[in-house]
Amino acid sequence: MILPRKPIRRLQKYRPPLEGRVGKLRLDFNENTIGCAPEVVRALRRYLSREGLSCYPEYEQSRDKLARYFGVSPEEMVLANGTDDALKVICETFVDPGDLLVVPAPTFPVYQFYHTVAGGRTVRVACDQNFRLPLEKFIAALKKGARWTALANPNNPTGTAIPQVSLRQILKAAPKTVVVVDEAYGQFSGETILPWIRRYPNLVVSRTFSKAFGLAALRVGCLFANAELADAMRRGQNPFPVNSLALACACVAVEHEEYVNRYVAEVKRNRARFFRWFEERGIPYLPSFSNFVLARVGRNAPEIAQRLRAAGILVRDWSYDPHLKGFLRFTVGTEAQMRRLYAQLARLEKLIDTRNSQKDWRSFVAYSATGWFT
């Protein structure tokens, strides 16, 4: 038998979304719950032609347009096949076997995934009991020779945010470390440090069209850095990283930002209402700056998730992991979608068990230093 490389053999199995999600209320993977702007769909139909599908992608015009939208030069932007592929580009550009990645715990697992594939080592610094980044411990870990670090801001799965003053301290304290700030959910927090790429030569900011813009199926992501760093990342990249249809749709999507802004504003209003819903019932939750909320519903979490699925509502059940039993993550949707969720949860309220919540939270925090979060 031919064995793969050791890093591949060590990888833990990723758990993708269950099949059969189309047509259901998708509150499980933090997608846009109403879809992209209608103009994007119309544009996609226009671009579908025999000639269009037979040509390789052309990037110059699209790169210029997207760069103007984000307020950068084309030389400061790297296109990628979604944020996941963007992280792969970072590892392929900067990571040698044995190099060190430092990340908070818990956080998005794909950072460690690609770093492990590249043969790197990972140190996870556990967040405190309020799921805040322990800044001094984190910086101390970076100073032990970290090649790069990844900071989702807001973070997934917690929805918590890192203050800009803390990000500034990290960038200054580790000038030889590539600091990737992942702003996949940035529209929902209303904050960005994208302009900082001209101030900090070690900063890379990532953005995606998969969340607020509603283009998850098309896979469009971007990396932003100073021109020298961006050039290094493009140099080893696939020459055709984004397909023509995806790029065309992204360019139309940025023309209709008001559609995205209305959706984001509604999600933020409904997020605040969701907080109050949890508080009224004594259900522990994490105040989120993103488009999802992580909450503990107790030992019946798998049954609650299954019954919601039977009612056509998908939520993220974490109970496949013995250390995370009792936790569900809910994507926040429109007012009508949330009313539908509340109605179903009301029918299941007797299953929600908030006993021993403090004990479960302590267990969750302790496990965050070693867990695998998706």
Protein backbone atom coordinates (compact mmCIF):
# COMPACT_ATOMS: atom_id res chain seq x y z
CA MET A 1 0.00 0.00 0.00
CA ILE A 2 1.27 3.46 -0.94
CA LEU A 3 0.99 5.76 2.08
CA PRO A 4 0.49 9.53 1.88
CA ARG A 5 2.84 11.95 3.63
CA LYS A 6 2.78 11.91 7.44
CA PRO A 7 0.99 15.28 7.74
CA ILE A 8 -1.88 13.91 5.64
CA ARG A 9 -2.13 10.78 7.77
CA ARG A 10 -2.34 12.93 10.92
CA LEU A 11 -5.19 15.11 9.68
CA GLN A 12 -8.53 14.82 11.43
CA LYS A 13 -11.51 14.25 9.20
CA TYR A 14 -13.49 17.32 8.24
CA ARG A 15 -17.26 17.17 8.72
CA PRO A 16 -18.94 18.89 5.77
CA PRO A 17 -22.60 19.98 5.80
CA LEU A 18 -25.16 17.21 5.46
CA GLU A 19 -26.61 16.70 2.00
CA GLY A 20 -30.12 17.79 1.09
CA ARG A 21 -29.91 21.38 2.31
CA VAL A 22 -31.56 23.08 -0.69
CA GLY A 23 -35.10 24.20 0.07
CA LYS A 24 -34.60 24.18 3.84
CA LEU A 25 -34.02 27.15 6.14
CA ARG A 26 -30.21 27.07 6.29
CA LEU A 27 -29.16 28.34 9.71
CA ASP A 28 -26.25 25.91 10.05
CA PHE A 29 -23.25 27.22 8.06
CA ASN A 30 -23.50 31.00 8.34
CA GLU A 31 -24.48 31.57 4.74
CA ASN A 32 -26.57 34.45 3.43
CA THR A 33 -30.09 33.16 4.14
CA ILE A 34 -31.88 34.99 1.31
CA GLY A 35 -29.34 34.68 -1.50
CA CYS A 36 -27.41 37.16 -3.59
CA ALA A 37 -28.77 40.28 -5.25
CA PRO A 38 -31.18 39.45 -8.11
CA GLU A 39 -28.97 41.39 -10.52
CA VAL A 40 -26.18 38.86 -9.92
CA VAL A 41 -28.41 35.98 -11.03
CA ARG A 42 -29.42 37.89 -14.15
CA ALA A 43 -25.77 38.61 -14.91
CA LEU A 44 -24.90 34.94 -14.51
CA ARG A 45 -27.52 34.01 -17.10
CA ARG A 46 -26.09 36.59 -19.52
CA TYR A 47 -22.55 35.26 -19.12
CA LEU A 48 -23.58 31.65 -19.77
CA SER A 49 -22.78 31.07 -23.45
CA ARG A 50 -20.87 28.55 -25.52
CA GLU A 51 -18.16 31.08 -26.29
CA GLY A 52 -17.94 32.33 -22.73
CA LEU A 53 -17.57 28.84 -21.28
CA SER A 54 -14.86 27.87 -23.76
CA CYS A 55 -12.50 30.74 -22.88
CA TYR A 56 -9.96 30.94 -20.07
CA PRO A 57 -10.62 33.66 -17.49
CA GLU A 58 -9.35 37.20 -18.05
CA TYR A 59 -8.53 39.09 -14.89
CA GLU A 60 -7.29 42.61 -15.54
CA GLN A 61 -10.64 44.43 -15.79
CA SER A 62 -12.23 42.50 -12.93
CA ARG A 63 -9.19 42.93 -10.70
CA ASP A 64 -9.24 46.68 -11.30
CA LYS A 65 -12.95 46.92 -10.48
CA LEU A 66 -12.74 44.87 -7.29
CA ALA A 67 -9.62 46.73 -6.16
CA ARG A 68 -11.45 50.05 -6.53
CA TYR A 69 -14.37 48.70 -4.50
CA PHE A 70 -12.08 47.62 -1.66
CA GLY A 71 -10.04 50.82 -1.81
CA VAL A 72 -6.72 49.20 -2.74
CA SER A 73 -4.51 49.00 -5.80
CA PRO A 74 -4.65 45.87 -7.99
CA GLU A 75 -1.07 45.15 -6.91
CA GLU A 76 -2.25 44.91 -3.29
CA MET A 77 -4.91 42.25 -4.01
CA VAL A 78 -4.72 38.49 -4.61
CA LEU A 79 -7.76 36.69 -6.02
CA ALA A 80 -8.54 33.21 -4.75
CA ASN A 81 -11.09 30.42 -5.05
CA GLY A 82 -12.76 31.37 -1.77
CA THR A 83 -11.09 32.06 1.57
CA ASP A 84 -10.14 28.41 2.00
CA ASP A 85 -8.03 28.55 -1.16
CA ALA A 86 -6.61 31.89 -0.03
CA LEU A 87 -5.33 30.23 3.15
CA LYS A 88 -3.78 27.49 1.03
CA VAL A 89 -1.97 30.21 -0.95
CA ILE A 90 -0.58 31.65 2.29
CA CYS A 91 0.77 28.26 3.37
CA GLU A 92 2.25 27.53 -0.05
CA THR A 93 3.96 30.91 -0.05
CA PHE A 94 5.34 31.10 3.49
CA VAL A 95 5.29 27.72 5.27
CA ASP A 96 8.16 25.23 5.34
CA PRO A 97 7.95 21.87 7.16
CA GLY A 98 8.30 22.44 10.89
CA ASP A 99 7.21 26.10 10.80
CA LEU A 100 4.98 27.33 13.60
CA LEU A 101 1.40 28.60 13.34
CA VAL A 102 -0.17 30.26 16.40
CA VAL A 103 -3.96 30.58 16.57
CA PRO A 104 -6.57 31.28 19.24
CA ALA A 105 -8.72 28.40 20.41
CA PRO A 106 -11.41 27.87 19.41
CA THR A 107 -11.25 29.23 15.87
CA PHE A 108 -11.81 28.33 12.22
CA PRO A 109 -10.09 24.95 11.64
CA VAL A 110 -8.95 25.52 8.06
CA TYR A 111 -6.01 27.62 9.28
CA GLN A 112 -4.53 24.59 10.98
CA PHE A 113 -5.69 22.24 8.22
CA TYR A 114 -3.56 23.77 5.46
CA HIS A 115 -0.69 24.45 7.82
CA THR A 116 -0.64 20.77 8.78
CA VAL A 117 -0.77 19.71 5.12
CA ALA A 118 2.32 21.88 4.58
CA GLY A 119 4.09 20.01 7.40
CA GLY A 120 3.86 22.77 9.99
CA ARG A 121 3.31 22.70 13.75
CA THR A 122 0.42 24.52 15.47
CA VAL A 123 0.15 26.09 18.91
CA ARG A 124 -3.37 26.99 20.06
CA VAL A 125 -3.75 29.61 22.75
CA ALA A 126 -6.99 29.08 24.69
CA CYS A 127 -9.31 32.05 25.06
CA ASP A 128 -10.33 33.12 28.54
CA GLN A 129 -13.65 32.23 30.19
CA ASN A 130 -15.34 35.10 28.37
CA PHE A 131 -13.83 33.88 25.08
CA ARG A 132 -11.59 36.92 24.79
CA LEU A 133 -8.12 36.62 23.34
CA PRO A 134 -5.50 36.52 26.17
CA LEU A 135 -3.29 39.12 24.54
CA GLU A 136 -0.10 38.72 26.60
CA LYS A 137 -0.10 34.92 26.31
CA PHE A 138 -0.82 35.14 22.61
CA ILE A 139 2.01 37.58 21.92
CA ALA A 140 4.37 35.45 24.02
CA ALA A 141 3.50 32.45 21.84
CA LEU A 142 4.14 34.47 18.67
CA LYS A 143 7.57 35.49 19.92
CA LYS A 144 8.64 31.84 20.05
CA GLY A 145 9.20 31.97 16.31
CA ALA A 146 5.74 31.85 14.74
CA ARG A 147 5.88 31.93 10.95
CA TRP A 148 2.30 33.12 10.77
CA THR A 149 -0.87 33.59 12.76
CA ALA A 150 -4.53 33.70 11.74
CA LEU A 151 -7.10 35.79 13.57
CA ALA A 152 -10.73 35.48 12.47
CA ASN A 153 -12.35 38.79 13.36
CA PRO A 154 -15.16 38.19 14.23
CA ASN A 155 -14.21 34.69 15.27
CA ASN A 156 -15.89 31.46 14.26
CA PRO A 157 -17.44 29.63 16.16
CA THR A 158 -17.74 32.16 18.98
CA GLY A 159 -18.70 35.35 17.11
CA THR A 160 -16.42 37.35 19.42
CA ALA A 161 -14.29 40.24 18.13
CA ILE A 162 -10.72 41.33 18.82
CA PRO A 163 -10.41 45.07 19.57
CA GLN A 164 -8.35 47.03 17.07
CA VAL A 165 -5.98 48.17 19.80
CA SER A 166 -5.11 44.50 20.43
CA LEU A 167 -4.58 43.83 16.73
CA ARG A 168 -2.22 46.80 16.60
CA GLN A 169 -0.22 45.40 19.53
CA ILE A 170 0.06 42.00 17.84
CA LEU A 171 1.27 43.50 14.56
CA LYS A 172 3.90 45.60 16.32
CA ALA A 173 5.04 42.83 18.67
CA ALA A 174 5.64 40.25 15.91
CA PRO A 175 7.04 42.13 12.88
CA LYS A 176 8.60 38.95 11.42
CA THR A 177 5.33 36.98 11.68
CA VAL A 178 2.76 37.06 8.87
CA VAL A 179 -0.43 38.20 10.60
CA VAL A 180 -3.57 37.13 8.72
CA VAL A 181 -6.76 38.86 9.84
CA ASP A 182 -9.72 37.00 8.39
CA GLU A 183 -12.66 39.38 7.93
CA ALA A 184 -15.08 36.84 6.46
CA TYR A 185 -17.80 38.20 8.78
CA GLY A 186 -16.57 41.78 8.78
CA GLN A 187 -19.77 43.26 7.36
CA PHE A 188 -21.67 42.03 10.43
CA SER A 189 -19.25 43.66 12.87
CA GLY A 190 -18.95 46.89 10.89
CA GLU A 191 -15.18 47.07 11.43
CA THR A 192 -12.18 46.47 9.18
CA ILE A 193 -8.45 47.02 9.30
CA LEU A 194 -7.99 46.71 5.54
CA PRO A 195 -6.40 50.21 5.24
CA TRP A 196 -3.67 49.06 7.65
CA ILE A 197 -1.94 46.99 4.93
CA ARG A 198 0.03 50.13 4.00
CA ARG A 199 1.09 50.67 7.60
CA TYR A 200 2.10 47.15 8.64
CA PRO A 201 4.28 45.16 6.19
CA ASN A 202 3.45 41.87 7.97
CA LEU A 203 -0.35 42.22 7.65
CA VAL A 204 -2.58 40.19 5.32
CA VAL A 205 -6.36 40.75 5.35
CA SER A 206 -8.74 38.20 3.83
CA ARG A 207 -12.28 38.80 2.59
CA THR A 208 -14.89 36.53 1.04
CA PHE A 209 -17.98 36.82 -1.14
CA SER A 210 -19.44 33.68 0.45
CA LYS A 211 -21.14 35.25 3.47
CA ALA A 212 -22.85 38.64 3.26
CA PHE A 213 -22.72 38.77 -0.55
CA GLY A 214 -24.38 35.34 -0.86
CA LEU A 215 -21.98 33.80 -3.40
CA ALA A 216 -20.82 30.74 -1.44
CA ALA A 217 -21.43 28.38 -4.36
CA LEU A 218 -19.15 30.38 -6.66
CA ARG A 219 -16.11 30.51 -4.33
CA VAL A 220 -14.58 33.99 -4.58
CA GLY A 221 -12.13 35.28 -2.00
CA CYS A 222 -9.43 37.95 -1.80
CA LEU A 223 -6.20 38.54 0.09
CA PHE A 224 -4.91 42.05 0.66
CA ALA A 225 -1.36 43.01 1.60
CA ASN A 226 1.36 45.45 0.64
CA ALA A 227 2.39 45.08 -3.01
CA GLU A 228 5.58 43.14 -2.23
CA LEU A 229 3.82 40.58 -0.04
CA ALA A 230 0.92 40.25 -2.50
CA ASP A 231 3.33 39.69 -5.38
CA ALA A 232 5.02 36.88 -3.46
CA MET A 233 1.65 35.16 -2.95
CA ARG A 234 0.66 35.51 -6.62
CA ARG A 235 4.01 34.17 -7.79
CA GLY A 236 3.36 30.58 -6.68
CA GLN A 237 -0.38 30.64 -7.28
CA ASN A 238 -2.46 28.84 -9.86
CA PRO A 239 -2.58 31.21 -12.87
CA PHE A 240 -6.38 30.81 -13.10
CA PRO A 241 -7.50 30.81 -9.43
CA VAL A 242 -11.07 32.07 -9.99
CA ASN A 243 -13.39 31.00 -12.79
CA SER A 244 -14.88 33.56 -15.18
CA LEU A 245 -18.48 33.20 -14.02
CA ALA A 246 -17.56 33.66 -10.36
CA LEU A 247 -15.49 36.73 -11.13
CA ALA A 248 -18.23 38.26 -13.28
CA CYS A 249 -20.80 37.74 -10.53
CA ALA A 250 -18.51 39.26 -7.88
CA CYS A 251 -18.09 42.36 -10.03
CA VAL A 252 -21.87 42.73 -10.35
CA ALA A 253 -22.37 42.06 -6.63
CA VAL A 254 -20.22 45.04 -5.61
CA GLU A 255 -22.36 47.27 -7.82
CA HIS A 256 -25.34 46.44 -5.59
CA GLU A 257 -23.87 46.95 -2.15
CA GLU A 258 -27.11 48.54 -0.95
CA TYR A 259 -28.76 45.09 -1.22
CA VAL A 260 -26.07 43.59 1.01
CA ASN A 261 -26.24 46.52 3.45
CA ARG A 262 -30.00 46.08 3.90
CA TYR A 263 -29.56 42.37 4.57
CA VAL A 264 -26.72 42.96 7.04
CA ALA A 265 -28.74 45.61 8.91
CA GLU A 266 -31.66 43.21 9.27
CA VAL A 267 -29.39 40.42 10.52
CA LYS A 268 -27.90 42.76 13.15
CA ARG A 269 -31.36 43.76 14.38
CA ASN A 270 -32.44 40.13 14.60
CA ARG A 271 -29.20 39.17 16.31
CA ALA A 272 -30.00 41.59 19.15
CA ARG A 273 -33.50 40.15 19.43
CA PHE A 274 -32.03 36.63 19.53
CA PHE A 275 -29.84 37.66 22.46
CA ARG A 276 -32.94 38.80 24.35
CA TRP A 277 -34.73 35.54 23.48
CA PHE A 278 -31.90 33.54 25.08
CA GLU A 279 -31.75 35.83 28.12
CA GLU A 280 -35.48 35.56 28.80
CA ARG A 281 -35.12 31.78 28.98
CA GLY A 282 -31.84 31.64 30.89
CA ILE A 283 -30.03 29.92 28.02
CA PRO A 284 -26.26 30.61 28.01
CA TYR A 285 -25.04 32.21 24.78
CA LEU A 286 -22.09 34.21 23.51
CA PRO A 287 -22.80 37.82 22.45
CA SER A 288 -21.78 37.75 18.80
CA PHE A 289 -20.49 40.36 16.35
CA SER A 290 -21.18 38.02 13.45
CA ASN A 291 -24.24 36.54 11.72
CA PHE A 292 -24.50 33.56 14.08
CA VAL A 293 -24.90 32.84 17.78
CA LEU A 294 -23.37 29.97 19.76
CA ALA A 295 -25.58 28.74 22.61
CA ARG A 296 -25.83 25.89 25.06
CA VAL A 297 -29.21 24.14 24.95
CA GLY A 298 -28.15 21.14 27.02
CA ARG A 299 -27.91 17.38 26.66
CA ASN A 300 -30.81 17.20 24.19
CA ALA A 301 -28.97 19.28 21.59
CA PRO A 302 -28.81 16.42 19.01
CA GLU A 303 -32.53 15.75 19.36
CA ILE A 304 -33.35 19.45 19.10
CA ALA A 305 -31.25 19.73 15.94
CA GLN A 306 -32.87 16.63 14.45
CA ARG A 307 -36.38 17.83 15.18
CA LEU A 308 -35.59 21.23 13.70
CA ARG A 309 -34.26 19.50 10.61
CA ALA A 310 -37.47 17.47 10.34
CA ALA A 311 -39.31 20.81 10.41
CA GLY A 312 -37.10 22.10 7.59
CA ILE A 313 -34.71 24.19 9.73
CA LEU A 314 -30.98 23.40 9.78
CA VAL A 315 -28.75 24.40 12.71
CA ARG A 316 -25.18 23.39 13.58
CA ASP A 317 -25.06 20.62 16.17
CA TRP A 318 -21.71 20.25 17.92
CA SER A 319 -22.53 17.12 19.88
CA TYR A 320 -20.56 14.77 17.63
CA ASP A 321 -17.67 15.90 19.80
CA PRO A 322 -17.86 14.53 23.37
CA HIS A 323 -16.41 17.76 24.79
CA LEU A 324 -19.02 19.97 23.10
CA LYS A 325 -22.25 18.17 23.91
CA GLY A 326 -25.09 20.56 24.46
CA PHE A 327 -24.01 23.30 22.07
CA LEU A 328 -25.79 24.51 18.95
CA ARG A 329 -24.78 27.31 16.61
CA PHE A 330 -27.57 29.27 14.94
CA THR A 331 -27.12 31.45 11.87
CA VAL A 332 -29.23 34.61 12.18
CA GLY A 333 -31.61 35.22 9.29
CA THR A 334 -34.38 37.63 8.38
CA GLU A 335 -37.22 38.55 10.73
CA ALA A 336 -39.59 36.09 9.05
CA GLN A 337 -36.98 33.32 9.18
CA MET A 338 -36.28 33.95 12.85
CA ARG A 339 -40.01 33.90 13.68
CA ARG A 340 -40.14 30.47 12.08
CA LEU A 341 -37.16 29.36 14.21
CA TYR A 342 -38.70 30.76 17.42
CA ALA A 343 -41.98 28.96 16.72
CA GLN A 344 -40.22 25.62 16.33
CA LEU A 345 -37.99 26.19 19.36
CA ALA A 346 -41.09 27.02 21.43
CA ARG A 347 -42.43 23.55 20.59
CA LEU A 348 -39.12 22.07 21.75
CA GLU A 349 -38.60 24.26 24.80
CA LYS A 350 -39.12 21.38 27.23
CA LEU A 351 -36.07 19.71 25.70
CA ILE A 352 -33.81 22.69 26.43
CA ASP A 353 -31.78 21.92 29.56
CA THR A 354 -29.80 24.78 31.08
CA ARG A 355 -28.77 22.91 34.25
CA ASN A 356 -25.05 22.78 35.06
CA SER A 357 -24.47 25.48 32.46
CA GLN A 358 -21.44 26.89 34.28
CA LYS A 359 -19.85 23.46 34.45
CA ASP A 360 -20.39 22.93 30.74
CA TRP A 361 -18.94 26.34 29.90
CA ARG A 362 -15.81 25.58 31.93
CA SER A 363 -15.46 22.26 30.12
CA PHE A 364 -15.86 24.04 26.79
CA VAL A 365 -13.17 26.60 27.61
CA ALA A 366 -10.74 23.90 28.78
CA TYR A 367 -11.31 21.85 25.64
CA SER A 368 -10.87 24.85 23.32
CA ALA A 369 -7.10 24.51 23.61
CA THR A 370 -7.14 21.11 21.91
CA GLY A 371 -10.45 20.83 20.07
CA TRP A 372 -11.24 20.68 16.37
CA PHE A 373 -13.82 23.26 15.41
CA THR A 374 -15.72 23.35 12.07
